[in-house]
Amino acid sequence: MSDLDAAVASRLEAFTTDRVADRLWSKDGSLWAESGKPADEIAAWLGWLDLPEAMSARVDELEHLARDIREDGYRRAAVLGMGGSSLAPELFSRVFAWAGGPSGNGAASADGLELRILDSTHPDAVRGFRSWAGEKRTIFCVSSKSGSTTEPNAYQAAMGEIAPALDFLAITDPGTVLGELARAQEFRGIIEAPPDVGGRYSALTVFGLVPAVLAGVDIGGLLERATRMAGACRNPDAADNPGLRLGALIGEAALAGRDKLTILTSERLAPFGDWAEQLIAESTGKAGTGIVPIVGEPLGQASDYAEDRLFVHVRLRDETDPAMSALADEEIVLDDALDIGAEFVRWEVATAVAGIVLGIDPFDQPNVQESKDATRDLLDAYRSRGALPQTGPLVSEPGMSVTADPEAIGDTPVSVEGAVQQLLGLLSPGRDYLAILAYVPSDPWVEEALQRIRVDVRDALGVATTLGFGPRFLHSTGQLHKGGPSTGVFLQITAEPSKDLPIPGWDESFATLIAAQALGDLTSLQRRGRRALRIHLADLQSGLERLEAMVDTAIGEPADNHTQ
C-alpha cells in the first residue's frame, strides 16, 4: 500500500467514526470547524444537498416553460452569465448535442433549442454572439445569482438592442436588482433560485436546469441519477461512499504534495472538466492552500508529468482510452450522458469533504470580490478621467509590450523575449504551475496556439499548465490564483480588438470593460506578490505566432516543430 493509499484509508476510517456522512446531510457546519468559521454561517450554504429531491418536484413546471417557448416560435436559447451561471449550461449545450444534434440515447430531444453561452466581454466575441442570436428568434436567459454581476448586465444591455424584453428570462435569487429590472421592463419571466446555494454548486438549480430543458435535455432523468447518487453519498461507511471517497483522495493527495488534480476526459466530456475546475478551484483555493485543477491539457507521456499530479479519468462507458486509463489514479465511468447528474452530486460532496481535509471553508470565495473591486475602481477612474490608469510597460517593441513588477520576475528585461524567458525560468518542476490568462476571444485557432504553448512548456519543463479565457476564469480559477498556494506563474495575454462595441447606456465600451478586468486581475496578482507578466499584442494572430516562437526559444524547443 502506498503512503497516499494509507492516508486515504485512515481518513475514511476517521470519517466513518466521526459520522461525517450523517452530519453532512444534517447540514452540520461544525464539520468545517478548522476553518475558523461559525458553524451556522457555513450551514447556511448547504442548500445544494436538497436539490435532487427539491428540483425533481419542479420538472413539470420547467418542461411546461420550455414547451411554451418552443411553441411560440423560438429556435435558439442564449445564456448571458458567468461562472456558476454559465458553466453547467455550457456543459449541457456541448455534451447533450454532441456531433451536431441529439445523440438518440434519450439524453436530449430533437425539438430542443440550439443553446449557446456568452461569457466573454471581448467586443469581438460579443459582436459575434449577437450576430448569431439575431439570425433566428432567440430566448435570452440573463443569469446572475446576485443580480448585480457586471458581465450579465452588460450582455443584457447589448442584446436589448436586437430583441424586445419579451425575449428575456431573468434567472436570479429572490429580491435582486436583476429581478427588479425584469419586472420593470416586463421580461417574459423571472425564475428564482434558492438563496442558500452558492453559484458553483448551482448546476442542479434553475441556473443549470432551465437552459438544459430549453436544449431538450431530459432533466427528469438527470435528476433521477442525481437522486440515486445522493443516496449513495449518505452511506455512513465512508469507504463505500462515492463522494467521501473521492473527497478523501483529492484532499489527502493535496496534503501530500500531489495538488495538481488532473482531470482526464474525452473531447465530448471536456465541458465537465471545465465545470469541475471552477467547483474545485474556487472552493479550495484560499488561505494559502488549495487543489489546482488541470483540465483540457492535452495528454502526454507518463514521463512528461512530475510527482505533483493526481489523475482522475472521467469517461463514458463506450468511450475507452487505454492511455488515460493507464495514467489514472481513479477512474469514474458514466453509463451515458445523463449520469452527469450523478457526477454533479459526487463532485460537490467530494469538494466539500476535501475542504474538511484541508481545514478551509469550501463555500466562500473571498478573493473573487478582490478582482471585482479592482475592476470597479478602474471603471470609476475611467468615468472621472476618460481613460484607464496605466503604468508604462517594462519593455516595448513594435507590435508587443510587456508589463510586470520587476521584483516578481527578476531584473528588468531588455526585450520582450527576455521577459518571457525570465518568467518561464521561475517555474520549479514538481511545485509550480504555469497559468495562461488569455483576455482574447476563445476562437479555435487561438485556443490551438495557446494549447501548443502549454504543452511545450509542460513537456520541456515538467510543470503543470492551465489555460483560462478572461474574464470567464475570474469567476472560476481566479480565486485559486489569488488565495491559493503561491505556486502559480502567470502569463497574461491581452490584444487590441479588431473593433470596439459600445454598451448601450454605459459610459464604458466592451473594449474598456475587458481592459479594466485584465488590469484589475494583474493588479490583484501583483498586490499578492504573484509571479505575473502581461504581454500585450497589437495584432492577435501575428502576436501569438511571435509569442509561440519566443516560448520555444526560452525552453529550447525548435520552433519548426509546429504546424501553423
Protein backbone atom coordinates (compact mmCIF):
# COMPACT_ATOMS: atom_id res chain seq x y z
CA MET A 1 0.00 0.00 0.00
CA SER A 2 1.36 3.43 -0.98
CA ASP A 3 1.64 6.28 1.51
CA LEU A 4 -1.28 8.03 -0.21
CA ASP A 5 -3.44 4.89 -0.10
CA ALA A 6 -2.69 4.54 3.61
CA ALA A 7 -3.56 8.20 4.27
CA VAL A 8 -6.83 7.88 2.38
CA ALA A 9 -7.76 4.68 4.22
CA SER A 10 -7.03 6.33 7.55
CA ARG A 11 -9.06 9.39 6.62
CA LEU A 12 -12.03 7.26 5.56
CA GLU A 13 -11.92 5.38 8.84
CA ALA A 14 -11.99 8.70 10.66
CA PHE A 15 -14.90 9.87 8.52
CA THR A 16 -16.86 6.76 9.47
CA THR A 17 -16.05 7.15 13.16
CA ASP A 18 -16.94 10.85 13.11
CA ARG A 19 -20.24 10.18 11.30
CA VAL A 20 -19.29 12.60 8.53
CA ALA A 21 -21.95 11.40 6.08
CA ASP A 22 -24.77 11.72 8.61
CA ARG A 23 -23.55 15.13 9.74
CA LEU A 24 -23.13 16.40 6.17
CA TRP A 25 -26.69 15.57 5.21
CA SER A 26 -27.88 17.03 8.52
CA LYS A 27 -26.13 20.27 7.43
CA ASP A 28 -23.77 20.32 10.38
CA GLY A 29 -21.47 23.26 9.74
CA SER A 30 -19.12 22.18 12.52
CA LEU A 31 -17.59 19.71 10.05
CA TRP A 32 -15.50 22.66 8.85
CA ALA A 33 -14.67 23.99 12.32
CA GLU A 34 -10.96 24.02 11.50
CA SER A 35 -11.62 26.87 9.05
CA GLY A 36 -12.47 29.12 11.99
CA LYS A 37 -15.87 29.99 10.51
CA PRO A 38 -19.02 29.77 12.67
CA ALA A 39 -20.92 26.54 12.06
CA ASP A 40 -24.21 28.29 11.33
CA GLU A 41 -22.53 30.56 8.77
CA ILE A 42 -21.27 27.53 6.85
CA ALA A 43 -24.53 25.59 7.22
CA ALA A 44 -26.35 28.46 5.52
CA TRP A 45 -24.69 27.43 2.22
CA LEU A 46 -25.61 23.75 2.25
CA GLY A 47 -28.87 24.05 0.34
CA TRP A 48 -27.31 22.20 -2.61
CA LEU A 49 -27.78 18.95 -0.70
CA ASP A 50 -31.56 19.28 -1.14
CA LEU A 51 -31.52 19.92 -4.87
CA PRO A 52 -32.01 16.42 -6.36
CA GLU A 53 -35.27 15.95 -4.50
CA ALA A 54 -36.43 19.58 -4.49
CA MET A 55 -35.86 20.13 -8.21
CA SER A 56 -37.48 16.82 -9.14
CA ALA A 57 -40.70 18.38 -7.91
CA ARG A 58 -40.26 21.21 -10.44
CA VAL A 59 -39.66 19.12 -13.56
CA ASP A 60 -43.22 19.54 -14.87
CA GLU A 61 -43.06 23.30 -14.34
CA LEU A 62 -39.78 23.67 -16.22
CA GLU A 63 -40.81 21.35 -19.05
CA HIS A 64 -44.01 23.38 -19.44
CA LEU A 65 -41.92 26.56 -19.69
CA ALA A 66 -39.73 25.03 -22.39
CA ARG A 67 -42.74 23.75 -24.33
CA ASP A 68 -44.40 27.20 -24.31
CA ILE A 69 -41.20 28.82 -25.55
CA ARG A 70 -40.82 26.34 -28.40
CA GLU A 71 -44.47 26.73 -29.39
CA ASP A 72 -44.01 30.50 -29.52
CA GLY A 73 -41.50 30.06 -32.30
CA TYR A 74 -38.16 30.35 -30.53
CA ARG A 75 -35.39 28.34 -32.14
CA ARG A 76 -32.34 29.38 -30.13
CA ALA A 77 -31.56 29.89 -26.45
CA ALA A 78 -28.80 32.15 -25.17
CA VAL A 79 -27.38 32.20 -21.66
CA LEU A 80 -25.86 35.51 -20.60
CA GLY A 81 -23.88 34.65 -17.48
CA MET A 82 -20.56 33.97 -15.82
CA GLY A 83 -19.03 31.23 -13.67
CA GLY A 84 -21.64 29.14 -11.94
CA SER A 85 -24.34 30.65 -14.14
CA SER A 86 -22.64 29.64 -17.39
CA LEU A 87 -20.51 26.51 -16.93
CA ALA A 88 -23.31 23.98 -16.37
CA PRO A 89 -25.35 25.41 -19.28
CA GLU A 90 -22.25 25.19 -21.48
CA LEU A 91 -21.85 21.55 -20.44
CA PHE A 92 -25.45 20.84 -21.45
CA SER A 93 -25.04 22.68 -24.75
CA ARG A 94 -21.97 20.69 -25.76
CA VAL A 95 -22.38 17.24 -24.21
CA PHE A 96 -26.04 16.60 -24.99
CA ALA A 97 -25.91 17.95 -28.53
CA TRP A 98 -22.75 16.04 -29.41
CA ALA A 99 -21.88 15.69 -33.11
CA GLY A 100 -24.26 18.45 -34.14
CA GLY A 101 -27.50 17.09 -32.75
CA PRO A 102 -29.18 14.85 -30.18
CA SER A 103 -27.44 11.52 -29.88
CA GLY A 104 -30.56 9.42 -29.79
CA ASN A 105 -29.67 7.98 -26.37
CA GLY A 106 -32.59 9.63 -24.60
CA ALA A 107 -30.43 12.43 -23.26
CA ALA A 108 -31.87 15.18 -25.46
CA SER A 109 -35.00 15.58 -27.55
CA ALA A 110 -34.94 16.50 -31.21
CA ASP A 111 -37.07 19.63 -30.67
CA GLY A 112 -34.69 21.21 -28.16
CA LEU A 113 -33.45 24.73 -28.90
CA GLU A 114 -29.90 25.40 -30.06
CA LEU A 115 -28.15 26.58 -26.90
CA ARG A 116 -25.13 28.87 -26.65
CA ILE A 117 -23.48 30.72 -23.80
CA LEU A 118 -21.94 34.20 -23.74
CA ASP A 119 -19.32 34.60 -21.01
CA SER A 120 -16.75 36.88 -22.64
CA THR A 121 -16.65 40.68 -22.58
CA HIS A 122 -14.28 40.87 -25.55
CA PRO A 123 -16.03 43.05 -28.15
CA ASP A 124 -15.26 40.62 -30.97
CA ALA A 125 -16.87 37.77 -29.02
CA VAL A 126 -19.95 39.80 -28.03
CA ARG A 127 -20.43 41.06 -31.59
CA GLY A 128 -20.24 37.52 -32.99
CA PHE A 129 -22.66 36.22 -30.39
CA ARG A 130 -25.14 39.00 -31.08
CA SER A 131 -25.00 38.21 -34.78
CA TRP A 132 -25.74 34.54 -34.09
CA ALA A 133 -28.65 35.40 -31.79
CA GLY A 134 -30.13 37.74 -34.38
CA GLU A 135 -30.30 35.10 -37.09
CA LYS A 136 -33.28 33.26 -35.56
CA ARG A 137 -35.73 34.01 -32.79
CA THR A 138 -33.78 33.63 -29.57
CA ILE A 139 -34.79 33.46 -25.90
CA PHE A 140 -32.17 35.15 -23.69
CA CYS A 141 -31.54 33.86 -20.15
CA VAL A 142 -29.93 36.63 -18.13
CA SER A 143 -28.37 34.55 -15.35
CA SER A 144 -26.90 36.12 -12.23
CA LYS A 145 -27.20 34.89 -8.66
CA SER A 146 -26.50 38.29 -7.14
CA GLY A 147 -28.37 40.11 -9.90
CA SER A 148 -25.65 42.75 -9.97
CA THR A 149 -22.81 40.94 -11.77
CA THR A 150 -21.18 43.31 -14.25
CA GLU A 151 -20.91 40.98 -17.22
CA PRO A 152 -24.54 39.74 -17.49
CA ASN A 153 -25.75 43.31 -17.06
CA ALA A 154 -23.55 44.43 -19.96
CA TYR A 155 -24.70 41.49 -22.10
CA GLN A 156 -28.35 42.27 -21.42
CA ALA A 157 -27.84 45.88 -22.45
CA ALA A 158 -26.14 44.77 -25.70
CA MET A 159 -28.75 42.14 -26.58
CA GLY A 160 -31.59 44.50 -25.68
CA GLU A 161 -30.76 46.41 -28.86
CA ILE A 162 -31.74 43.46 -31.03
CA ALA A 163 -34.58 41.86 -29.04
CA PRO A 164 -37.63 43.05 -27.06
CA ALA A 165 -37.99 42.49 -23.32
CA LEU A 166 -40.44 39.65 -24.05
CA ASP A 167 -37.46 37.64 -25.35
CA PHE A 168 -35.69 37.70 -21.97
CA LEU A 169 -35.86 35.50 -18.89
CA ALA A 170 -34.22 36.55 -15.62
CA ILE A 171 -32.67 33.72 -13.60
CA THR A 172 -31.62 35.07 -10.23
CA ASP A 173 -32.03 34.90 -6.46
CA PRO A 174 -35.10 36.44 -4.81
CA GLY A 175 -35.07 40.20 -4.30
CA THR A 176 -32.18 41.12 -6.62
CA VAL A 177 -31.71 44.20 -8.79
CA LEU A 178 -31.96 41.95 -11.85
CA GLY A 179 -35.38 40.79 -10.69
CA GLU A 180 -36.49 44.39 -10.26
CA LEU A 181 -35.21 45.25 -13.74
CA ALA A 182 -37.04 42.28 -15.23
CA ARG A 183 -40.29 43.40 -13.64
CA ALA A 184 -39.82 46.99 -14.71
CA GLN A 185 -39.02 46.06 -18.32
CA GLU A 186 -41.59 43.25 -18.41
CA PHE A 187 -39.33 40.32 -19.23
CA ARG A 188 -41.06 37.12 -20.35
CA GLY A 189 -40.40 35.63 -16.92
CA ILE A 190 -38.42 35.67 -13.69
CA ILE A 191 -37.21 32.32 -12.37
CA GLU A 192 -35.84 32.41 -8.85
CA ALA A 193 -33.16 30.15 -7.43
CA PRO A 194 -32.70 29.08 -3.79
CA PRO A 195 -30.54 31.68 -1.99
CA ASP A 196 -28.78 29.04 0.15
CA VAL A 197 -26.90 27.56 -2.83
CA GLY A 198 -23.62 29.12 -3.96
CA GLY A 199 -23.06 29.74 -7.64
CA ARG A 200 -20.58 26.94 -8.26
CA TYR A 201 -22.92 24.44 -6.53
CA SER A 202 -25.91 25.56 -8.61
CA ALA A 203 -25.82 23.17 -11.59
CA LEU A 204 -28.99 21.43 -10.40
CA THR A 205 -30.85 24.68 -9.67
CA VAL A 206 -32.70 26.69 -12.29
CA PHE A 207 -29.34 28.20 -13.33
CA GLY A 208 -28.48 24.86 -14.91
CA LEU A 209 -31.84 23.22 -15.45
CA VAL A 210 -33.64 26.00 -17.33
CA PRO A 211 -31.00 26.12 -20.11
CA ALA A 212 -30.90 22.30 -20.05
CA VAL A 213 -34.63 21.87 -20.53
CA LEU A 214 -34.66 24.53 -23.26
CA ALA A 215 -31.99 22.49 -25.06
CA GLY A 216 -34.17 19.38 -24.83
CA VAL A 217 -32.27 17.59 -22.07
CA ASP A 218 -34.27 15.02 -20.11
CA ILE A 219 -34.00 16.86 -16.79
CA GLY A 220 -36.22 14.29 -15.08
CA GLY A 221 -33.70 11.58 -15.97
CA LEU A 222 -30.82 13.84 -14.99
CA LEU A 223 -32.32 14.44 -11.55
CA GLU A 224 -33.15 10.76 -11.10
CA ARG A 225 -29.44 9.95 -11.50
CA ALA A 226 -28.58 12.79 -9.11
CA THR A 227 -31.03 11.44 -6.53
CA ARG A 228 -29.51 7.99 -6.81
CA MET A 229 -26.01 9.37 -6.22
CA ALA A 230 -27.24 11.45 -3.29
CA GLY A 231 -28.50 8.24 -1.72
CA ALA A 232 -25.11 6.57 -2.21
CA CYS A 233 -23.38 9.59 -0.66
CA ARG A 234 -25.45 9.13 2.51
CA ASN A 235 -23.73 5.80 3.21
CA PRO A 236 -22.28 6.07 6.74
CA ASP A 237 -19.43 3.72 5.78
CA ALA A 238 -17.07 6.24 4.19
CA ALA A 239 -15.15 3.59 2.27
CA ASP A 240 -18.34 2.75 0.35
CA ASN A 241 -19.47 6.37 -0.03
CA PRO A 242 -18.51 7.67 -3.51
CA GLY A 243 -18.45 11.34 -2.54
CA LEU A 244 -16.47 10.84 0.66
CA ARG A 245 -14.03 8.51 -1.09
CA LEU A 246 -13.26 10.99 -3.84
CA GLY A 247 -13.01 13.88 -1.37
CA ALA A 248 -10.60 11.97 0.84
CA LEU A 249 -8.46 11.07 -2.18
CA ILE A 250 -8.12 14.57 -3.62
CA GLY A 251 -7.72 16.15 -0.18
CA GLU A 252 -5.06 13.76 1.07
CA ALA A 253 -3.24 13.92 -2.26
CA ALA A 254 -3.05 17.70 -1.92
CA LEU A 255 -1.64 17.39 1.61
CA ALA A 256 0.98 15.00 0.23
CA GLY A 257 2.09 17.49 -2.43
CA ARG A 258 0.03 15.99 -5.27
CA ASP A 259 -2.16 19.05 -5.50
CA LYS A 260 -2.35 19.25 -9.32
CA LEU A 261 -5.63 17.38 -9.81
CA THR A 262 -5.52 16.45 -13.50
CA ILE A 263 -8.96 15.59 -14.83
CA LEU A 264 -8.76 13.48 -17.98
CA THR A 265 -11.80 13.32 -20.28
CA SER A 266 -12.74 12.59 -23.86
CA GLU A 267 -13.44 15.56 -26.10
CA ARG A 268 -17.15 15.10 -25.54
CA LEU A 269 -16.84 15.33 -21.75
CA ALA A 270 -14.34 18.19 -21.79
CA PRO A 271 -17.03 20.66 -20.57
CA PHE A 272 -17.42 18.53 -17.44
CA GLY A 273 -13.77 19.26 -16.67
CA ASP A 274 -14.44 22.99 -17.06
CA TRP A 275 -17.36 22.76 -14.64
CA ALA A 276 -15.35 20.77 -12.10
CA GLU A 277 -12.44 23.21 -12.46
CA GLN A 278 -14.50 26.08 -11.05
CA LEU A 279 -16.00 23.94 -8.30
CA ILE A 280 -12.62 22.75 -7.06
CA ALA A 281 -10.52 25.86 -7.61
CA GLU A 282 -12.95 28.36 -6.15
CA SER A 283 -13.89 26.09 -3.24
CA THR A 284 -10.40 25.03 -2.12
CA GLY A 285 -8.05 27.81 -3.28
CA LYS A 286 -7.82 30.01 -0.21
CA ALA A 287 -5.84 30.64 2.96
CA GLY A 288 -2.64 29.80 1.08
CA THR A 289 -3.72 26.26 0.28
CA GLY A 290 -5.82 24.56 -2.36
CA ILE A 291 -6.18 21.98 -5.08
CA VAL A 292 -5.10 23.11 -8.57
CA PRO A 293 -7.39 21.53 -11.18
CA ILE A 294 -5.70 20.85 -14.51
CA VAL A 295 -8.28 20.45 -17.28
CA GLY A 296 -8.05 20.47 -21.04
CA GLU A 297 -4.32 19.80 -21.04
CA PRO A 298 -3.53 17.50 -24.00
CA LEU A 299 -2.44 14.04 -22.96
CA GLY A 300 1.27 13.42 -22.62
CA GLN A 301 3.54 10.52 -21.81
CA ALA A 302 3.98 9.42 -18.21
CA SER A 303 7.48 10.90 -18.28
CA ASP A 304 6.05 14.37 -19.03
CA TYR A 305 4.49 14.65 -15.57
CA ALA A 306 6.12 15.48 -12.25
CA GLU A 307 5.17 13.88 -8.94
CA ASP A 308 2.77 16.69 -8.02
CA ARG A 309 -0.02 15.17 -10.14
CA LEU A 310 -3.12 13.19 -9.22
CA PHE A 311 -5.02 11.82 -12.23
CA VAL A 312 -8.78 11.21 -12.33
CA HIS A 313 -10.21 9.84 -15.57
CA VAL A 314 -13.90 10.58 -16.19
CA ARG A 315 -15.32 8.72 -19.19
CA LEU A 316 -18.43 7.33 -20.78
CA ARG A 317 -18.66 3.56 -20.78
CA ASP A 318 -18.49 3.40 -24.58
CA GLU A 319 -15.52 5.80 -24.79
CA THR A 320 -12.42 3.92 -23.76
CA ASP A 321 -8.93 5.41 -23.80
CA PRO A 322 -6.22 2.99 -22.64
CA ALA A 323 -3.61 5.77 -22.34
CA MET A 324 -5.80 7.80 -19.99
CA SER A 325 -6.79 4.72 -18.02
CA ALA A 326 -3.13 3.79 -17.60
CA LEU A 327 -2.35 7.18 -16.04
CA ALA A 328 -5.44 7.31 -13.83
CA ASP A 329 -5.24 7.05 -10.05
CA GLU A 330 -9.05 6.97 -10.08
CA GLU A 331 -11.43 6.18 -12.94
CA ILE A 332 -15.08 7.20 -12.99
CA VAL A 333 -17.29 5.58 -15.63
CA LEU A 334 -20.62 7.04 -16.72
CA ASP A 335 -23.21 4.77 -18.31
CA ASP A 336 -24.45 7.63 -20.51
CA ALA A 337 -24.60 11.41 -20.56
CA LEU A 338 -27.46 11.59 -18.06
CA ASP A 339 -25.08 10.26 -15.42
CA ILE A 340 -23.63 13.77 -15.35
CA GLY A 341 -26.48 14.49 -12.92
CA ALA A 342 -24.93 11.95 -10.56
CA GLU A 343 -21.45 13.41 -11.09
CA PHE A 344 -22.64 16.87 -10.09
CA VAL A 345 -23.56 15.40 -6.70
CA ARG A 346 -20.46 13.21 -6.33
CA TRP A 347 -18.04 16.07 -7.07
CA GLU A 348 -19.92 18.61 -4.95
CA VAL A 349 -19.80 16.24 -1.97
CA ALA A 350 -16.15 15.43 -2.68
CA THR A 351 -15.20 19.11 -2.87
CA ALA A 352 -16.97 19.89 0.38
CA VAL A 353 -15.23 16.92 2.01
CA ALA A 354 -11.84 17.98 0.64
CA GLY A 355 -12.46 21.24 2.48
CA ILE A 356 -12.65 19.25 5.71
CA VAL A 357 -9.31 17.60 4.92
CA LEU A 358 -7.65 20.94 4.07
CA GLY A 359 -9.19 22.79 7.01
CA ILE A 360 -10.87 25.50 4.92
CA ASP A 361 -14.37 26.80 4.24
CA PRO A 362 -15.28 25.42 0.77
CA PHE A 363 -18.29 27.71 0.38
CA ASP A 364 -16.78 31.21 0.38
CA GLN A 365 -14.71 32.98 -2.30
CA PRO A 366 -13.04 35.97 -0.61
CA ASN A 367 -10.59 36.80 -3.38
CA VAL A 368 -13.12 36.80 -6.21
CA GLN A 369 -14.51 40.02 -4.78
CA GLU A 370 -10.99 41.45 -4.69
CA SER A 371 -10.73 41.39 -8.50
CA LYS A 372 -14.28 42.72 -8.85
CA ASP A 373 -13.41 45.62 -6.57
CA ALA A 374 -10.22 46.32 -8.52
CA THR A 375 -12.19 46.38 -11.77
CA ARG A 376 -14.85 48.64 -10.26
CA ASP A 377 -12.21 51.10 -9.05
CA LEU A 378 -10.64 51.20 -12.50
CA LEU A 379 -14.00 51.81 -14.16
CA ASP A 380 -14.72 54.59 -11.66
CA ALA A 381 -11.39 56.16 -12.63
CA TYR A 382 -12.31 55.82 -16.30
CA ARG A 383 -15.60 57.62 -15.75
CA SER A 384 -13.91 60.50 -13.96
CA ARG A 385 -10.80 60.80 -16.16
CA GLY A 386 -11.89 59.41 -19.52
CA ALA A 387 -9.11 56.80 -19.52
CA LEU A 388 -7.96 53.79 -17.53
CA PRO A 389 -4.94 54.40 -15.29
CA GLN A 390 -1.95 52.61 -16.77
CA THR A 391 1.65 52.11 -15.77
CA GLY A 392 4.25 52.18 -18.50
CA PRO A 393 5.47 48.87 -19.92
CA LEU A 394 8.79 47.42 -18.77
CA VAL A 395 9.79 46.92 -22.36
CA SER A 396 8.09 47.68 -25.65
CA GLU A 397 8.77 46.59 -29.22
CA PRO A 398 6.80 47.08 -32.45
CA GLY A 399 3.59 45.08 -32.01
CA MET A 400 4.31 43.88 -28.46
CA SER A 401 4.85 45.22 -24.96
CA VAL A 402 5.42 43.70 -21.51
CA THR A 403 4.15 44.83 -18.12
CA ALA A 404 5.25 43.27 -14.83
CA ASP A 405 6.52 44.01 -11.35
CA PRO A 406 10.31 43.65 -11.68
CA GLU A 407 10.58 42.40 -8.10
CA ALA A 408 8.35 39.44 -9.00
CA ILE A 409 10.11 38.33 -12.18
CA GLY A 410 13.72 39.39 -11.57
CA ASP A 411 15.83 42.01 -13.29
CA THR A 412 14.20 44.45 -15.68
CA PRO A 413 14.25 42.72 -19.08
CA VAL A 414 15.83 44.33 -22.13
CA SER A 415 13.47 42.68 -24.63
CA VAL A 416 10.05 41.04 -24.80
CA GLU A 417 11.73 37.71 -25.49
CA GLY A 418 13.94 38.21 -22.45
CA ALA A 419 10.90 38.91 -20.28
CA VAL A 420 9.21 35.70 -21.45
CA GLN A 421 12.40 33.77 -20.75
CA GLN A 422 12.66 35.27 -17.24
CA LEU A 423 9.08 34.35 -16.43
CA LEU A 424 9.42 30.75 -17.58
CA GLY A 425 12.73 30.49 -15.73
CA LEU A 426 10.81 30.96 -12.48
CA LEU A 427 8.96 27.66 -12.86
CA SER A 428 10.01 24.89 -10.49
CA PRO A 429 9.02 21.35 -11.62
CA GLY A 430 7.01 19.36 -9.09
CA ARG A 431 5.89 22.53 -7.32
CA ASP A 432 4.78 25.28 -9.67
CA TYR A 433 2.24 25.55 -12.47
CA LEU A 434 2.02 27.89 -15.45
CA ALA A 435 -1.33 29.68 -15.82
CA ILE A 436 -2.05 31.30 -19.18
CA LEU A 437 -4.62 34.06 -18.66
CA ALA A 438 -5.93 34.99 -22.10
CA TYR A 439 -8.08 38.11 -22.38
CA VAL A 440 -8.78 37.39 -26.04
CA PRO A 441 -11.59 35.63 -27.94
CA SER A 442 -11.60 31.86 -27.47
CA ASP A 443 -11.65 31.16 -31.21
CA PRO A 444 -10.49 27.65 -32.15
CA TRP A 445 -7.26 28.83 -33.78
CA VAL A 446 -6.44 30.94 -30.71
CA GLU A 447 -7.04 28.03 -28.36
CA GLU A 448 -4.94 25.73 -30.55
CA ALA A 449 -2.00 28.15 -30.42
CA LEU A 450 -2.24 28.53 -26.64
CA GLN A 451 -2.58 24.77 -26.21
CA ARG A 452 0.65 24.30 -28.15
CA ILE A 453 2.39 26.74 -25.82
CA ARG A 454 1.19 24.98 -22.67
CA VAL A 455 2.15 21.54 -23.97
CA ASP A 456 5.61 22.73 -24.99
CA VAL A 457 6.18 24.21 -21.54
CA ARG A 458 4.90 21.09 -19.79
CA ASP A 459 6.99 18.73 -21.86
CA ALA A 460 10.17 20.81 -21.65
CA LEU A 461 9.98 21.91 -18.02
CA GLY A 462 7.85 19.20 -16.39
CA VAL A 463 5.32 21.61 -14.89
CA ALA A 464 1.53 21.51 -14.86
CA THR A 465 -0.25 24.09 -17.02
CA THR A 466 -3.65 25.75 -17.08
CA LEU A 467 -5.39 27.87 -19.70
CA GLY A 468 -8.20 30.30 -18.94
CA PHE A 469 -10.00 32.87 -21.05
CA GLY A 470 -10.79 36.14 -19.33
CA PRO A 471 -12.88 37.41 -17.77
CA ARG A 472 -14.53 33.98 -17.51
CA PHE A 473 -11.81 32.49 -15.30
CA LEU A 474 -12.11 35.37 -12.81
CA HIS A 475 -15.29 33.64 -11.65
CA SER A 476 -13.53 30.27 -11.55
CA THR A 477 -9.80 29.77 -11.05
CA GLY A 478 -9.31 33.44 -10.19
CA GLN A 479 -9.97 32.63 -6.52
CA LEU A 480 -7.24 30.00 -6.55
CA HIS A 481 -4.78 32.33 -8.28
CA LYS A 482 -5.01 34.91 -5.50
CA GLY A 483 -5.99 32.91 -2.44
CA GLY A 484 -4.35 29.55 -3.11
CA PRO A 485 -0.74 28.45 -2.78
CA SER A 486 1.91 30.76 -4.24
CA THR A 487 2.89 28.17 -6.84
CA GLY A 488 1.37 29.83 -9.88
CA VAL A 489 3.40 31.62 -12.55
CA PHE A 490 1.04 33.77 -14.60
CA LEU A 491 1.30 34.79 -18.24
CA GLN A 492 -1.47 37.26 -19.04
CA ILE A 493 -2.18 37.90 -22.72
CA THR A 494 -4.12 40.91 -23.98
CA ALA A 495 -4.63 42.17 -27.52
CA GLU A 496 -6.20 45.05 -29.37
CA PRO A 497 -9.74 44.15 -30.50
CA SER A 498 -10.45 44.33 -34.20
CA LYS A 499 -13.31 46.73 -33.47
CA ASP A 500 -14.86 48.10 -30.29
CA LEU A 501 -18.52 47.72 -29.31
CA PRO A 502 -20.48 50.23 -27.20
CA ILE A 503 -22.51 49.07 -24.19
CA PRO A 504 -25.87 50.83 -24.50
CA GLY A 505 -26.48 53.15 -21.57
CA TRP A 506 -22.94 52.76 -20.20
CA ASP A 507 -20.01 55.16 -20.24
CA GLU A 508 -17.72 52.21 -20.99
CA SER A 509 -17.47 50.14 -24.15
CA PHE A 510 -16.75 46.41 -24.13
CA ALA A 511 -13.11 47.10 -25.02
CA THR A 512 -12.81 49.35 -21.97
CA LEU A 513 -14.55 46.79 -19.76
CA ILE A 514 -12.29 43.87 -20.68
CA ALA A 515 -9.22 46.10 -20.43
CA ALA A 516 -10.27 47.07 -16.90
CA GLN A 517 -10.88 43.44 -15.98
CA ALA A 518 -7.44 42.40 -17.26
CA LEU A 519 -5.74 45.29 -15.48
CA GLY A 520 -7.67 44.61 -12.28
CA ASP A 521 -6.65 40.96 -12.41
CA LEU A 522 -2.99 41.82 -12.93
CA THR A 523 -3.11 44.39 -10.14
CA SER A 524 -4.60 41.85 -7.72
CA LEU A 525 -1.93 39.29 -8.59
CA GLN A 526 0.82 41.87 -8.13
CA ARG A 527 -0.53 43.02 -4.77
CA ARG A 528 -0.18 39.46 -3.56
CA GLY A 529 3.36 39.13 -4.87
CA ARG A 530 2.43 36.59 -7.51
CA ARG A 531 4.88 35.99 -10.35
CA ALA A 532 2.92 37.58 -13.18
CA LEU A 533 3.70 39.13 -16.55
CA ARG A 534 1.41 40.71 -19.10
CA ILE A 535 2.21 40.65 -22.80
CA HIS A 536 0.08 42.95 -24.95
CA LEU A 537 -0.27 42.24 -28.67
CA ALA A 538 -1.13 44.86 -31.25
CA ASP A 539 -2.31 42.13 -33.63
CA LEU A 540 -3.58 38.87 -32.16
CA GLN A 541 -2.61 36.44 -34.92
CA SER A 542 0.91 37.69 -35.65
CA GLY A 543 1.47 38.37 -31.96
CA LEU A 544 0.60 34.82 -30.94
CA GLU A 545 2.93 33.46 -33.62
CA ARG A 546 5.77 35.57 -32.23
CA LEU A 547 4.94 34.63 -28.65
CA GLU A 548 4.95 30.94 -29.50
CA ALA A 549 8.37 31.29 -31.11
CA MET A 550 9.65 33.16 -28.04
CA VAL A 551 8.42 30.42 -25.72
CA ASP A 552 10.07 27.78 -27.88
CA THR A 553 13.35 29.68 -27.74
CA ALA A 554 13.10 30.11 -23.97
CA ILE A 555 12.59 26.40 -23.34
CA GLY A 556 14.88 25.16 -26.10
CA GLU A 557 12.13 23.78 -28.34
CA PRO A 558 12.70 24.01 -32.12
CA ALA A 559 10.17 26.49 -33.49
CA ASP A 560 9.64 24.47 -36.68
CA ASN A 561 8.06 21.63 -34.69
CA HIS A 562 4.69 23.33 -35.03
CA THR A 563 2.21 23.41 -37.84
CA GLN A 564 0.92 26.93 -38.17
